[in-house]
Amino acid sequence: MKMDKKTTLASTILLSTVLFSVSALANTGDVVFQGEVTKATCTFVIQDSDGTTNASNVVNLKSATVDEVKAGNAEEVVFDIVSAKKDDGSECFTAAHDVTVLWVPVNGFDADNNLANLAPDATKAQKVAVRLMKGDDGTQITSTDSRVHFEKIAPGTDGTHTPTRYQFKAQMVQSSADASTATDVTAGNVKSQAKFIVGYR
């Protein structure tokens, strides 16, 4: 996915959720997130934790029951950026590159520092949000700590990863941002799909 270049600081990556929809079998609707990209000169390929590479940087979170979402037990999913190429085919990163990610959601974070839901009230999945985490230690990415280092795994650490493989994590969680007015989600399995636009800057 290619985006127009804009002037920004050097030596960071911007990884922002542009569209995030969540649907479920009962008593739920949509969850929509929007982020912003300040610059992009690279085309990225992102894989799900099971190794599936999806078109246009669309990745899937694991299905979870509503009870799991409410209890904070929905599965954490690790996503890998497995390729970052410039227009000429050269690599965006080198093994020595200090890579950082900056999350800039347009809608900001909810009261629990999860990505807040922008979906219209008529179709909104109530109290469902997404927690973003660092790939190396699982620390939550928050409104005050949104610039984080991407884990770079050394060769031979396992049979899959390479020195230029970078990770982040995401998990569906219950949001308390609208707890006083929203109808609670009470049944069904929740499935989500995220489309990330990743910009290197």
Protein backbone atom coordinates (compact mmCIF):
# COMPACT_ATOMS: atom_id res chain seq x y z
CA MET A 1 0.00 0.00 0.00
CA LYS A 2 1.55 3.29 -1.05
CA MET A 3 0.92 6.72 0.36
CA ASP A 4 2.03 10.25 -0.42
CA LYS A 5 5.21 11.46 1.20
CA LYS A 6 5.05 14.23 3.76
CA THR A 7 7.77 15.88 5.80
CA THR A 8 8.37 14.33 9.21
CA LEU A 9 11.14 13.47 11.63
CA ALA A 10 13.53 10.69 10.69
CA SER A 11 14.04 7.19 12.11
CA THR A 12 10.53 6.16 13.11
CA ILE A 13 7.71 4.09 11.71
CA LEU A 14 4.14 5.24 11.84
CA LEU A 15 1.71 2.37 12.19
CA SER A 16 -1.91 3.49 12.36
CA THR A 17 -5.21 1.71 12.26
CA VAL A 18 -7.23 3.11 9.37
CA LEU A 19 -10.25 0.86 9.37
CA PHE A 20 -11.26 -1.57 12.05
CA SER A 21 -14.59 -3.36 11.87
CA VAL A 22 -15.92 -5.83 14.40
CA SER A 23 -19.01 -7.94 13.96
CA ALA A 24 -20.55 -10.62 16.13
CA LEU A 25 -23.32 -13.15 16.09
CA ALA A 26 -25.60 -11.42 18.58
CA ASN A 27 -26.17 -8.01 20.14
CA THR A 28 -23.15 -6.36 18.58
CA GLY A 29 -22.32 -4.15 15.65
CA ASP A 30 -19.27 -2.34 14.30
CA VAL A 31 -16.08 -1.00 15.81
CA VAL A 32 -14.36 1.59 13.62
CA PHE A 33 -10.94 3.13 14.21
CA GLN A 34 -9.13 5.73 12.16
CA GLY A 35 -5.49 6.68 12.32
CA GLU A 36 -3.25 9.09 10.47
CA VAL A 37 -0.11 8.57 8.45
CA THR A 38 2.47 11.34 8.21
CA LYS A 39 4.78 9.83 5.64
CA ALA A 40 5.28 6.58 3.78
CA THR A 41 7.99 5.60 1.36
CA CYS A 42 7.70 1.84 1.82
CA THR A 43 5.32 -0.97 0.97
CA PHE A 44 4.75 -3.29 3.94
CA VAL A 45 3.62 -6.88 4.23
CA ILE A 46 2.02 -7.89 7.53
CA GLN A 47 1.40 -11.48 8.61
CA ASP A 48 -1.01 -12.89 11.17
CA SER A 49 0.42 -15.00 13.97
CA ASP A 50 -0.40 -18.17 12.04
CA GLY A 51 1.75 -17.02 9.13
CA THR A 52 -1.11 -15.89 6.90
CA THR A 53 -0.25 -12.93 4.70
CA ASN A 54 -3.34 -10.88 3.91
CA ALA A 55 -3.90 -8.50 1.04
CA SER A 56 -3.67 -4.74 1.54
CA ASN A 57 -2.34 -5.05 5.09
CA VAL A 58 -5.60 -6.53 6.38
CA VAL A 59 -5.02 -8.70 9.44
CA ASN A 60 -7.41 -10.67 11.62
CA LEU A 61 -7.70 -10.97 15.36
CA LYS A 62 -8.71 -14.34 16.78
CA SER A 63 -12.42 -14.94 17.37
CA ALA A 64 -13.46 -14.64 21.00
CA THR A 65 -16.62 -15.10 22.99
CA VAL A 66 -18.21 -12.05 24.55
CA ASP A 67 -17.36 -13.46 27.98
CA GLU A 68 -13.70 -13.63 26.98
CA VAL A 69 -13.76 -10.04 25.76
CA LYS A 70 -15.44 -8.83 28.95
CA ALA A 71 -12.99 -10.74 31.14
CA GLY A 72 -9.95 -9.54 29.23
CA ASN A 73 -9.15 -13.09 28.15
CA ALA A 74 -9.43 -12.70 24.38
CA GLU A 75 -6.31 -14.06 22.73
CA GLU A 76 -3.43 -11.66 22.18
CA VAL A 77 -2.39 -11.83 18.55
CA VAL A 78 1.14 -11.11 17.39
CA PHE A 79 1.52 -9.46 13.99
CA ASP A 80 4.77 -9.42 12.06
CA ILE A 81 5.92 -6.92 9.47
CA VAL A 82 7.79 -9.37 7.28
CA SER A 83 8.70 -7.11 4.38
CA ALA A 84 9.32 -3.42 3.89
CA LYS A 85 10.37 -2.45 0.38
CA LYS A 86 10.98 0.87 -1.34
CA ASP A 87 9.75 1.55 -4.86
CA ASP A 88 13.10 0.44 -6.28
CA GLY A 89 12.85 -2.90 -4.48
CA SER A 90 15.48 -2.14 -1.85
CA GLU A 91 14.88 -2.80 1.84
CA CYS A 92 13.55 0.04 3.99
CA PHE A 93 15.36 -1.23 7.07
CA THR A 94 18.77 -2.66 7.82
CA ALA A 95 19.81 -4.84 10.73
CA ALA A 96 21.39 -1.78 12.35
CA HIS A 97 18.33 0.43 11.96
CA ASP A 98 16.76 1.54 15.25
CA VAL A 99 13.07 1.14 14.46
CA THR A 100 10.30 2.80 16.44
CA VAL A 101 6.56 2.81 16.00
CA LEU A 102 4.27 5.76 16.65
CA TRP A 103 0.55 5.13 17.06
CA VAL A 104 -1.55 8.17 16.13
CA PRO A 105 -5.24 7.22 16.23
CA VAL A 106 -7.42 10.09 15.01
CA ASN A 107 -10.09 9.17 17.53
CA GLY A 108 -7.58 8.83 20.35
CA PHE A 109 -7.76 6.40 23.23
CA ASP A 110 -10.65 5.59 25.53
CA ALA A 111 -10.56 5.88 29.33
CA ASP A 112 -8.66 2.58 29.53
CA ASN A 113 -6.04 3.61 26.96
CA ASN A 114 -7.55 1.30 24.36
CA LEU A 115 -8.39 2.48 20.85
CA ALA A 116 -11.83 4.05 21.08
CA ASN A 117 -14.77 3.12 18.87
CA LEU A 118 -15.79 5.57 16.13
CA ALA A 119 -18.70 3.55 14.76
CA PRO A 120 -22.12 5.26 14.56
CA ASP A 121 -24.35 4.54 17.54
CA ALA A 122 -26.89 2.77 15.34
CA THR A 123 -24.41 0.03 14.41
CA LYS A 124 -21.88 0.28 17.20
CA ALA A 125 -20.59 -2.81 18.99
CA GLN A 126 -20.96 -1.69 22.57
CA LYS A 127 -18.01 -1.75 24.93
CA VAL A 128 -15.63 -3.46 22.52
CA ALA A 129 -12.25 -1.83 22.00
CA VAL A 130 -8.77 -2.90 20.95
CA ARG A 131 -5.67 -2.88 23.14
CA LEU A 132 -2.37 -2.34 21.33
CA MET A 133 0.82 -3.71 22.82
CA LYS A 134 4.54 -3.71 22.25
CA GLY A 135 5.79 -6.77 20.45
CA ASP A 136 8.77 -7.38 22.68
CA ASP A 137 7.28 -7.39 26.17
CA GLY A 138 3.51 -6.92 25.75
CA THR A 139 3.44 -3.52 27.46
CA GLN A 140 0.28 -1.62 26.54
CA ILE A 141 0.68 1.24 24.08
CA THR A 142 -1.04 4.24 25.66
CA SER A 143 -1.84 7.86 24.91
CA THR A 144 1.22 8.93 26.90
CA ASP A 145 3.55 6.17 25.71
CA SER A 146 2.69 5.73 22.04
CA ARG A 147 6.23 5.75 20.69
CA VAL A 148 7.61 2.25 21.10
CA HIS A 149 10.52 0.17 19.88
CA PHE A 150 9.93 -2.69 17.46
CA GLU A 151 11.45 -5.99 18.53
CA LYS A 152 14.19 -7.17 16.19
CA ILE A 153 14.76 -10.91 16.56
CA ALA A 154 18.27 -12.19 15.93
CA PRO A 155 18.91 -14.92 13.35
CA GLY A 156 18.52 -18.39 14.76
CA THR A 157 16.19 -17.33 17.59
CA ASP A 158 13.60 -19.64 16.07
CA GLY A 159 12.85 -21.25 12.75
CA THR A 160 10.77 -18.41 11.38
CA HIS A 161 12.01 -14.96 12.31
CA THR A 162 14.69 -12.93 10.57
CA PRO A 163 16.64 -9.82 11.65
CA THR A 164 14.23 -7.49 9.85
CA ARG A 165 11.01 -8.90 11.24
CA TYR A 166 9.16 -6.47 13.48
CA GLN A 167 6.24 -7.22 15.76
CA PHE A 168 3.26 -5.67 17.49
CA LYS A 169 0.32 -7.18 19.40
CA ALA A 170 -3.41 -6.51 19.53
CA GLN A 171 -6.26 -7.83 21.67
CA MET A 172 -10.01 -7.23 21.73
CA VAL A 173 -11.08 -5.95 25.15
CA GLN A 174 -14.11 -4.46 26.84
CA SER A 175 -14.13 -0.68 26.90
CA SER A 176 -15.57 1.23 29.83
CA ALA A 177 -15.65 4.53 27.93
CA ASP A 178 -19.40 4.33 27.33
CA ALA A 179 -20.31 2.16 30.31
CA SER A 180 -22.89 4.56 31.72
CA THR A 181 -25.00 4.75 28.57
CA ALA A 182 -24.19 1.77 26.35
CA THR A 183 -26.11 -1.47 26.14
CA ASP A 184 -23.85 -4.29 27.27
CA VAL A 185 -22.79 -7.02 24.87
CA THR A 186 -24.33 -10.19 26.24
CA ALA A 187 -23.98 -12.98 23.68
CA GLY A 188 -22.20 -14.20 20.60
CA ASN A 189 -18.72 -14.64 19.25
CA VAL A 190 -16.80 -11.52 18.26
CA LYS A 191 -14.67 -11.51 15.11
CA SER A 192 -12.57 -8.56 14.03
CA GLN A 193 -10.60 -7.42 11.03
CA ALA A 194 -8.08 -4.59 10.97
CA LYS A 195 -6.60 -2.71 8.06
CA PHE A 196 -3.33 -1.05 8.98
CA ILE A 197 -1.55 1.60 6.99
CA VAL A 198 2.10 1.59 7.93
CA GLY A 199 4.30 4.54 7.18
CA TYR A 200 8.07 4.66 7.56
CA ARG A 201 9.43 8.03 8.51
